[in-house]
């Protein structure tokens, strides 16, 4: 059964509120830390996995509302940047001989 427009609108509003109030601020904090050379903590990895799962759940809404695609593409770019930068930080940290005990909390 296809959701009616009121239900879909409510879901969209809830997803955007969660994004702006909770997800995006933390993602931007993580970005800032990895941009300064820090490694991801286990909590950061769990959070990013949760955010990516949420993104998959939001895909049908974005598919039905192409105007949201701009936001989705920017978020994907942000997650990609964080992943690539975090990986580079891990590689640099490993090649410098830094132990896991220095991993960010």
C-alpha atoms as a PDB file:
ATOM      1  CA  UNK A   1       0.000   0.000   0.000  1.00  0.00           C
ATOM      2  CA  UNK A   2       1.343   3.391  -1.004  1.00  0.00           C
ATOM      3  CA  UNK A   3       1.390   5.991   1.798  1.00  0.00           C
ATOM      4  CA  UNK A   4      -0.871   8.985   1.323  1.00  0.00           C
ATOM      5  CA  UNK A   5       0.603  12.455   0.847  1.00  0.00           C
ATOM      6  CA  UNK A   6      -0.069  13.471   4.477  1.00  0.00           C
ATOM      7  CA  UNK A   7       1.825  10.457   5.817  1.00  0.00           C
ATOM      8  CA  UNK A   8       4.651  10.984   3.357  1.00  0.00           C
ATOM      9  CA  UNK A   9       4.845  14.675   4.265  1.00  0.00           C
ATOM     10  CA  UNK A  10       4.995  13.781   7.967  1.00  0.00           C
ATOM     11  CA  UNK A  11       7.771  11.251   7.372  1.00  0.00           C
ATOM     12  CA  UNK A  12       9.690  13.793   5.315  1.00  0.00           C
ATOM     13  CA  UNK A  13       9.373  16.456   7.998  1.00  0.00           C
ATOM     14  CA  UNK A  14      10.499  14.007  10.689  1.00  0.00           C
ATOM     15  CA  UNK A  15      13.527  12.942   8.634  1.00  0.00           C
ATOM     16  CA  UNK A  16      14.538  16.534   7.912  1.00  0.00           C
ATOM     17  CA  UNK A  17      14.157  17.517  11.578  1.00  0.00           C
ATOM     18  CA  UNK A  18      16.294  14.569  12.675  1.00  0.00           C
ATOM     19  CA  UNK A  19      18.862  15.507  10.052  1.00  0.00           C
ATOM     20  CA  UNK A  20      19.098  19.170  11.018  1.00  0.00           C
ATOM     21  CA  UNK A  21      18.828  18.771  14.778  1.00  0.00           C
ATOM     22  CA  UNK A  22      20.828  15.610  15.434  1.00  0.00           C
ATOM     23  CA  UNK A  23      22.562  13.984  12.498  1.00  0.00           C
ATOM     24  CA  UNK A  24      24.102  16.917  10.644  1.00  0.00           C
ATOM     25  CA  UNK A  25      25.629  18.672  13.678  1.00  0.00           C
ATOM     26  CA  UNK A  26      27.405  15.476  14.736  1.00  0.00           C
ATOM     27  CA  UNK A  27      28.489  14.657  11.189  1.00  0.00           C
ATOM     28  CA  UNK A  28      30.000  18.136  10.890  1.00  0.00           C
ATOM     29  CA  UNK A  29      31.835  17.665  14.199  1.00  0.00           C
ATOM     30  CA  UNK A  30      33.247  14.375  12.919  1.00  0.00           C
ATOM     31  CA  UNK A  31      34.263  16.057   9.649  1.00  0.00           C
ATOM     32  CA  UNK A  32      36.099  18.780  11.535  1.00  0.00           C
ATOM     33  CA  UNK A  33      38.002  16.235  13.605  1.00  0.00           C
ATOM     34  CA  UNK A  34      39.049  14.071  10.648  1.00  0.00           C
ATOM     35  CA  UNK A  35      40.011  17.216   8.715  1.00  0.00           C
ATOM     36  CA  UNK A  36      42.425  17.923  11.585  1.00  0.00           C
ATOM     37  CA  UNK A  37      43.984  14.478  11.246  1.00  0.00           C
ATOM     38  CA  UNK A  38      42.095  12.649  13.983  1.00  0.00           C
ATOM     39  CA  UNK A  39      41.011   9.061  13.654  1.00  0.00           C
ATOM     40  CA  UNK A  40      37.405   7.940  13.957  1.00  0.00           C
ATOM     41  CA  UNK A  41      36.375   6.503  17.300  1.00  0.00           C
ATOM     42  CA  UNK A  42      34.296   3.344  17.507  1.00  0.00           C
ATOM     43  CA  UNK A  43      31.313   5.549  18.429  1.00  0.00           C
ATOM     44  CA  UNK A  44      31.909   7.658  15.307  1.00  0.00           C
ATOM     45  CA  UNK A  45      31.924   4.553  13.126  1.00  0.00           C
ATOM     46  CA  UNK A  46      28.706   3.267  14.720  1.00  0.00           C
ATOM     47  CA  UNK A  47      27.061   6.648  14.262  1.00  0.00           C
ATOM     48  CA  UNK A  48      28.086   6.898  10.608  1.00  0.00           C
ATOM     49  CA  UNK A  49      26.790   3.374   9.974  1.00  0.00           C
ATOM     50  CA  UNK A  50      23.461   4.404  11.521  1.00  0.00           C
ATOM     51  CA  UNK A  51      23.338   7.542   9.380  1.00  0.00           C
ATOM     52  CA  UNK A  52      24.013   5.528   6.238  1.00  0.00           C
ATOM     53  CA  UNK A  53      21.240   3.086   7.143  1.00  0.00           C
ATOM     54  CA  UNK A  54      18.897   6.058   7.631  1.00  0.00           C
ATOM     55  CA  UNK A  55      19.939   7.335   4.220  1.00  0.00           C
ATOM     56  CA  UNK A  56      18.872   4.075   2.637  1.00  0.00           C
ATOM     57  CA  UNK A  57      15.505   4.356   4.384  1.00  0.00           C
ATOM     58  CA  UNK A  58      15.062   7.893   3.028  1.00  0.00           C
ATOM     59  CA  UNK A  59      15.791   6.894  -0.588  1.00  0.00           C
ATOM     60  CA  UNK A  60      12.138   6.223  -1.510  1.00  0.00           C
ATOM     61  CA  UNK A  61      11.205   9.679  -0.257  1.00  0.00           C
ATOM     62  CA  UNK A  62      13.983  11.289  -2.308  1.00  0.00           C
ATOM     63  CA  UNK A  63      12.943   9.233  -5.333  1.00  0.00           C
ATOM     64  CA  UNK A  64       9.404  10.550  -4.997  1.00  0.00           C
ATOM     65  CA  UNK A  65      10.514  14.150  -4.345  1.00  0.00           C
ATOM     66  CA  UNK A  66      13.332  15.043  -6.753  1.00  0.00           C
ATOM     67  CA  UNK A  67      13.721  18.457  -5.091  1.00  0.00           C
ATOM     68  CA  UNK A  68      15.315  16.628  -2.145  1.00  0.00           C
ATOM     69  CA  UNK A  69      17.975  15.140  -4.400  1.00  0.00           C
ATOM     70  CA  UNK A  70      20.245  18.182  -3.982  1.00  0.00           C
ATOM     71  CA  UNK A  71      20.319  17.640  -0.221  1.00  0.00           C
ATOM     72  CA  UNK A  72      20.895  13.904  -0.623  1.00  0.00           C
ATOM     73  CA  UNK A  73      23.787  14.409  -3.043  1.00  0.00           C
ATOM     74  CA  UNK A  74      25.472  16.929  -0.719  1.00  0.00           C
ATOM     75  CA  UNK A  75      25.114  14.546   2.227  1.00  0.00           C
ATOM     76  CA  UNK A  76      26.560  11.670   0.230  1.00  0.00           C
ATOM     77  CA  UNK A  77      29.501  13.907  -0.704  1.00  0.00           C
ATOM     78  CA  UNK A  78      29.991  14.815   2.955  1.00  0.00           C
ATOM     79  CA  UNK A  79      29.950  11.165   4.056  1.00  0.00           C
ATOM     80  CA  UNK A  80      32.359  10.290   1.241  1.00  0.00           C
ATOM     81  CA  UNK A  81      34.740  13.066   2.310  1.00  0.00           C
ATOM     82  CA  UNK A  82      34.652  11.883   5.923  1.00  0.00           C
ATOM     83  CA  UNK A  83      35.273   8.262   4.894  1.00  0.00           C
ATOM     84  CA  UNK A  84      38.156   9.104   2.565  1.00  0.00           C
ATOM     85  CA  UNK A  85      39.791  11.482   5.031  1.00  0.00           C
ATOM     86  CA  UNK A  86      39.360   9.058   7.943  1.00  0.00           C
ATOM     87  CA  UNK A  87      40.927   6.286   5.872  1.00  0.00           C
ATOM     88  CA  UNK A  88      43.886   8.515   5.005  1.00  0.00           C
ATOM     89  CA  UNK A  89      44.261   9.372   8.702  1.00  0.00           C
ATOM     90  CA  UNK A  90      44.252   5.666   9.595  1.00  0.00           C
ATOM     91  CA  UNK A  91      46.873   4.882   6.957  1.00  0.00           C
ATOM     92  CA  UNK A  92      49.059   7.782   8.058  1.00  0.00           C
ATOM     93  CA  UNK A  93      48.686   6.818  11.697  1.00  0.00           C
ATOM     94  CA  UNK A  94      49.548   3.183  10.963  1.00  0.00           C
ATOM     95  CA  UNK A  95      52.546   4.064   8.846  1.00  0.00           C
ATOM     96  CA  UNK A  96      53.807   6.350  11.603  1.00  0.00           C
ATOM     97  CA  UNK A  97      53.732   3.387  14.001  1.00  0.00           C
ATOM     98  CA  UNK A  98      51.040   4.804  16.248  1.00  0.00           C
ATOM     99  CA  UNK A  99      49.357   2.173  18.409  1.00  0.00           C
ATOM    100  CA  UNK A 100      45.596   1.695  18.887  1.00  0.00           C
ATOM    101  CA  UNK A 101      45.936   3.164  22.380  1.00  0.00           C
ATOM    102  CA  UNK A 102      46.087   6.621  20.775  1.00  0.00           C
ATOM    103  CA  UNK A 103      42.767   6.155  19.035  1.00  0.00           C
ATOM    104  CA  UNK A 104      40.385   9.048  19.659  1.00  0.00           C
ATOM    105  CA  UNK A 105      37.818   8.326  22.398  1.00  0.00           C
END
